[in-house]
Amino acid sequence: MSFNWFQLVPGVVGPEGDYTHVATLTATVAASVVLGSIARNQLKTGEDAAKPTDRFSIRGIFEIITDFVSKLAHQVIGHHYQPYVPFFSAMFFFILFNNLVGILPGMTPATENINTTFAFGIFSFMTYNFIGLKKGGTHYLAHFLGPIWWLAPLMLIIELISHMIRPLTLGMRMANVLTGDHTALMVFLDLVPFLVPIPLYALSLIVAFIQAFVFTLLSMVYVSLATASDH
C-alpha cells in the first residue's frame, strides 16, 4: 500500500479497514464544489454570460471541458444530445479531477480503488437505464427480447448478463489502469527520484485524461443505445 497523507488522519486507517479512498474522494468532492462555486461566481449576466471567457481562469477550464464533451456527445448520441451534456461534463470533470490527484506526491487517487470506480459504473448503469425507460418505456424493455420471438428467452438471458457486467467492466478497467500507472510511477520515484520520473508524470497526465475520456465515452454509447429505440 503506497503512502497517502490521509493515512495520518485518525480513523482513516484502522483495524476495520483502509478508508483512504473514501477520504480522498471526500476531499475531491469538496474541492470540486469549491472550484464550481468559483467558476459560477466568474459568470457574468445577460448576453455576456453566453460569451466564452477571454482569459485563462477556472471558468475557462470548465468551458473547455464542457465544449469538448458537448462535441463528443453530439457525435455519439446524435442530435438529441443536448440534455445530457451537463451530466457527461460533470462525469468527465469529476473523474479527471480524481485521476489527477494521484499525480500529487503523497496522494493516491480514489479512482484507483475498485469500490470507487464500481460505484461510478453503477451510477452510469442506473442513469442510462433510467433514460432508456423514460424515453422508450415498454419499447425499451422489448429490445431485451431480441427481434425474433422464439429466441426471446435466450436473448433475455444474454442481454441481462451483458447489461449487468457493464458496471463491473467500467470500474475494473479504470481502477486497474490507474493502479498500474501509479505503481510504475512510485517504483521509479523510489529508484531514481530526480529527472527520470518526469516522463512518467507526463504519461500519468495522459492516462488520467484518457481514462476519464473512455469512461465518459462508454457511458455516452450506453445512453445512445438506450435511446436508439426512441428514433
Protein backbone atom coordinates (compact mmCIF):
# COMPACT_ATOMS: atom_id res chain seq x y z
CA MET A 1 0.00 0.00 0.00
CA SER A 2 1.54 3.33 -1.06
CA PHE A 3 1.71 6.25 1.33
CA ASN A 4 -1.15 8.71 1.41
CA TRP A 5 -1.27 11.88 3.50
CA PHE A 6 -4.78 10.95 4.64
CA GLN A 7 -3.29 7.97 6.45
CA LEU A 8 -2.14 10.48 9.08
CA VAL A 9 -5.76 11.40 9.83
CA PRO A 10 -7.09 9.39 12.81
CA GLY A 11 -9.69 6.81 11.83
CA VAL A 12 -8.87 6.69 8.13
CA VAL A 13 -6.71 3.57 8.54
CA GLY A 14 -7.51 1.16 11.33
CA PRO A 15 -8.14 -2.47 12.22
CA GLU A 16 -11.50 -2.36 10.47
CA GLY A 17 -10.00 -1.37 7.14
CA ASP A 18 -8.33 1.25 4.96
CA TYR A 19 -10.63 4.12 4.01
CA THR A 20 -8.02 6.25 2.30
CA HIS A 21 -10.00 6.24 -0.94
CA VAL A 22 -13.08 7.50 0.92
CA ALA A 23 -11.10 10.38 2.43
CA THR A 24 -9.59 11.21 -0.97
CA LEU A 25 -12.98 11.07 -2.65
CA THR A 26 -14.50 13.31 0.04
CA ALA A 27 -11.70 15.84 -0.37
CA THR A 28 -12.13 15.74 -4.15
CA VAL A 29 -15.87 16.35 -3.84
CA ALA A 30 -15.21 19.32 -1.56
CA ALA A 31 -12.58 20.71 -3.96
CA SER A 32 -14.93 20.25 -6.92
CA VAL A 33 -17.68 22.16 -5.12
CA VAL A 34 -15.27 25.00 -4.33
CA LEU A 35 -13.97 25.16 -7.92
CA GLY A 36 -17.52 25.03 -9.26
CA SER A 37 -18.54 27.88 -6.97
CA ILE A 38 -15.57 29.96 -8.12
CA ALA A 39 -16.42 29.29 -11.77
CA ARG A 40 -20.05 30.19 -11.11
CA ASN A 41 -19.04 33.46 -9.47
CA GLN A 42 -17.00 34.31 -12.57
CA LEU A 43 -20.09 34.15 -14.75
CA LYS A 44 -21.45 37.44 -15.99
CA THR A 45 -25.06 38.43 -16.56
CA GLY A 46 -27.16 38.90 -19.67
CA GLU A 47 -25.62 38.25 -23.08
CA ASP A 48 -22.10 38.39 -21.64
CA ALA A 49 -22.79 35.15 -19.74
CA ALA A 50 -23.04 33.26 -23.05
CA LYS A 51 -19.72 34.59 -24.34
CA PRO A 52 -16.60 32.45 -23.78
CA THR A 53 -14.11 33.92 -21.37
CA ASP A 54 -11.18 35.75 -22.98
CA ARG A 55 -8.61 34.85 -20.31
CA PHE A 56 -7.30 31.79 -18.51
CA SER A 57 -9.48 31.07 -15.50
CA ILE A 58 -11.33 28.29 -13.70
CA ARG A 59 -14.40 29.23 -15.70
CA GLY A 60 -12.35 28.88 -18.88
CA ILE A 61 -11.28 25.35 -17.88
CA PHE A 62 -14.90 24.38 -17.29
CA GLU A 63 -15.86 25.87 -20.66
CA ILE A 64 -13.13 23.91 -22.47
CA ILE A 65 -14.21 20.64 -20.84
CA THR A 66 -17.89 21.31 -21.49
CA ASP A 67 -17.27 22.21 -25.15
CA PHE A 68 -15.18 19.07 -25.66
CA VAL A 69 -17.80 16.83 -24.03
CA SER A 70 -20.60 18.55 -25.95
CA LYS A 71 -18.98 17.84 -29.31
CA LEU A 72 -18.25 14.26 -28.30
CA ALA A 73 -21.85 13.72 -27.14
CA HIS A 74 -23.13 15.13 -30.44
CA GLN A 75 -21.05 12.62 -32.39
CA VAL A 76 -22.01 9.63 -30.24
CA ILE A 77 -25.65 10.27 -29.26
CA GLY A 78 -26.87 12.36 -32.17
CA HIS A 79 -28.98 15.47 -32.49
CA HIS A 80 -30.79 14.86 -29.18
CA TYR A 81 -27.54 15.08 -27.18
CA GLN A 82 -28.00 18.49 -25.54
CA PRO A 83 -29.98 17.45 -22.41
CA TYR A 84 -27.17 15.08 -21.45
CA VAL A 85 -24.22 17.47 -21.82
CA PRO A 86 -24.29 18.74 -18.19
CA PHE A 87 -24.35 15.16 -16.88
CA PHE A 88 -21.46 13.95 -19.02
CA SER A 89 -19.46 17.14 -18.42
CA ALA A 90 -19.77 16.68 -14.66
CA MET A 91 -18.83 13.00 -15.02
CA PHE A 92 -15.75 13.75 -17.14
CA PHE A 93 -14.53 16.56 -14.91
CA PHE A 94 -15.04 14.67 -11.66
CA ILE A 95 -13.29 11.51 -12.88
CA LEU A 96 -10.45 13.55 -14.41
CA PHE A 97 -10.03 15.54 -11.20
CA ASN A 98 -9.90 12.32 -9.15
CA ASN A 99 -7.37 10.82 -11.54
CA LEU A 100 -5.12 13.89 -11.38
CA VAL A 101 -5.00 13.68 -7.59
CA GLY A 102 -2.76 10.62 -7.96
CA ILE A 103 -0.05 12.70 -9.63
CA LEU A 104 0.43 14.75 -6.46
CA PRO A 105 3.23 13.42 -4.23
CA GLY A 106 1.84 11.52 -1.27
CA MET A 107 -1.61 11.09 -2.77
CA THR A 108 -3.39 8.11 -4.29
CA PRO A 109 -6.44 8.69 -6.50
CA ALA A 110 -9.80 7.49 -5.24
CA THR A 111 -10.35 6.08 -8.74
CA GLU A 112 -7.53 3.61 -8.10
CA ASN A 113 -9.86 1.76 -5.72
CA ILE A 114 -12.30 -0.69 -7.33
CA ASN A 115 -15.02 0.30 -4.84
CA THR A 116 -14.98 3.87 -6.15
CA THR A 117 -14.87 3.01 -9.83
CA PHE A 118 -17.50 0.29 -9.44
CA ALA A 119 -19.77 2.88 -7.80
CA PHE A 120 -19.21 5.14 -10.81
CA GLY A 121 -20.11 2.20 -13.06
CA ILE A 122 -23.33 1.54 -11.15
CA PHE A 123 -24.24 5.21 -11.40
CA SER A 124 -23.70 5.13 -15.17
CA PHE A 125 -25.70 1.88 -15.37
CA MET A 126 -28.66 3.33 -13.46
CA THR A 127 -28.57 6.55 -15.48
CA TYR A 128 -28.70 5.06 -18.97
CA ASN A 129 -31.41 2.57 -17.97
CA PHE A 130 -33.47 5.38 -16.44
CA ILE A 131 -33.08 7.43 -19.62
CA GLY A 132 -33.99 4.42 -21.75
CA LEU A 133 -37.14 3.72 -19.72
CA LYS A 134 -38.10 7.38 -19.71
CA LYS A 135 -37.67 7.75 -23.47
CA GLY A 136 -38.79 4.35 -24.72
CA GLY A 137 -40.96 2.91 -21.96
CA THR A 138 -42.01 -0.68 -22.66
CA HIS A 139 -40.39 -0.45 -26.10
CA TYR A 140 -37.02 -0.10 -24.36
CA LEU A 141 -37.69 -3.25 -22.36
CA ALA A 142 -38.74 -5.07 -25.53
CA HIS A 143 -35.26 -4.80 -27.03
CA PHE A 144 -34.03 -7.18 -24.31
CA LEU A 145 -36.07 -9.90 -26.03
CA GLY A 146 -34.42 -9.58 -29.43
CA PRO A 147 -36.02 -9.35 -32.90
CA ILE A 148 -37.24 -12.99 -33.10
CA TRP A 149 -39.94 -14.09 -30.66
CA TRP A 150 -38.85 -17.73 -30.35
CA LEU A 151 -35.34 -16.60 -29.35
CA ALA A 152 -36.70 -14.26 -26.68
CA PRO A 153 -35.82 -16.43 -23.63
CA LEU A 154 -32.22 -16.87 -24.78
CA MET A 155 -31.85 -13.23 -25.81
CA LEU A 156 -33.24 -12.07 -22.47
CA ILE A 157 -30.55 -14.01 -20.58
CA ILE A 158 -27.80 -12.75 -22.89
CA GLU A 159 -28.96 -9.12 -22.69
CA LEU A 160 -29.32 -9.21 -18.91
CA ILE A 161 -25.82 -10.62 -18.46
CA SER A 162 -24.43 -8.12 -20.94
CA HIS A 163 -26.01 -5.19 -19.09
CA MET A 164 -25.24 -6.41 -15.58
CA ILE A 165 -21.48 -6.75 -16.21
CA ARG A 166 -21.16 -3.23 -17.62
CA PRO A 167 -20.68 -1.52 -14.22
CA LEU A 168 -18.01 -4.06 -13.31
CA THR A 169 -16.12 -3.73 -16.60
CA LEU A 170 -16.28 0.06 -16.42
CA GLY A 171 -14.94 0.03 -12.88
CA MET A 172 -12.25 -2.62 -13.34
CA ARG A 173 -10.89 -1.01 -16.50
CA MET A 174 -10.26 2.35 -14.87
CA ALA A 175 -9.09 1.02 -11.48
CA ASN A 176 -6.60 -1.44 -12.99
CA VAL A 177 -5.09 1.06 -15.42
CA LEU A 178 -4.67 3.74 -12.75
CA THR A 179 -3.24 1.23 -10.29
CA GLY A 180 -0.64 0.11 -12.83
CA ASP A 181 0.24 3.68 -13.77
CA HIS A 182 0.54 4.81 -10.16
CA THR A 183 2.61 1.75 -9.20
CA ALA A 184 5.06 2.32 -12.05
CA LEU A 185 5.42 5.98 -11.06
CA MET A 186 6.07 5.10 -7.41
CA VAL A 187 8.69 2.47 -8.35
CA PHE A 188 10.67 4.94 -10.46
CA LEU A 189 10.38 7.62 -7.78
CA ASP A 190 11.87 5.21 -5.27
CA LEU A 191 14.69 4.16 -7.60
CA VAL A 192 15.59 7.49 -9.19
CA PRO A 193 13.71 10.41 -7.59
CA PHE A 194 15.20 13.09 -9.86
CA LEU A 195 14.58 13.82 -13.57
CA VAL A 196 13.88 10.23 -14.65
CA PRO A 197 10.26 10.22 -13.33
CA ILE A 198 9.39 13.37 -15.32
CA PRO A 199 8.32 11.43 -18.46
CA LEU A 200 6.23 9.17 -16.23
CA TYR A 201 4.49 12.21 -14.78
CA ALA A 202 3.66 13.28 -18.34
CA LEU A 203 2.39 9.77 -19.05
CA SER A 204 0.26 9.90 -15.89
CA LEU A 205 -1.35 13.11 -17.14
CA ILE A 206 -2.21 11.41 -20.42
CA VAL A 207 -3.55 8.30 -18.65
CA ALA A 208 -5.69 10.45 -16.33
CA PHE A 209 -7.27 12.18 -19.33
CA ILE A 210 -7.70 9.01 -21.40
CA GLN A 211 -9.41 7.10 -18.58
CA ALA A 212 -11.86 9.94 -17.95
CA PHE A 213 -12.45 10.11 -21.71
CA VAL A 214 -13.01 6.34 -22.08
CA PHE A 215 -15.39 6.11 -19.13
CA THR A 216 -17.43 9.09 -20.35
CA LEU A 217 -17.39 7.84 -23.95
CA LEU A 218 -18.66 4.37 -22.98
CA SER A 219 -21.39 5.95 -20.86
CA MET A 220 -22.41 8.01 -23.89
CA VAL A 221 -22.52 4.86 -26.02
CA TYR A 222 -24.80 3.20 -23.47
CA VAL A 223 -27.11 6.22 -23.47
CA SER A 224 -27.08 6.23 -27.27
CA LEU A 225 -28.08 2.55 -27.35
CA ALA A 226 -30.75 3.12 -24.70
CA THR A 227 -32.34 5.96 -26.66
CA ALA A 228 -31.95 4.43 -30.11
CA SER A 229 -35.33 2.68 -29.84
CA ASP A 230 -36.93 6.07 -29.45
CA HIS A 231 -35.99 7.10 -33.00
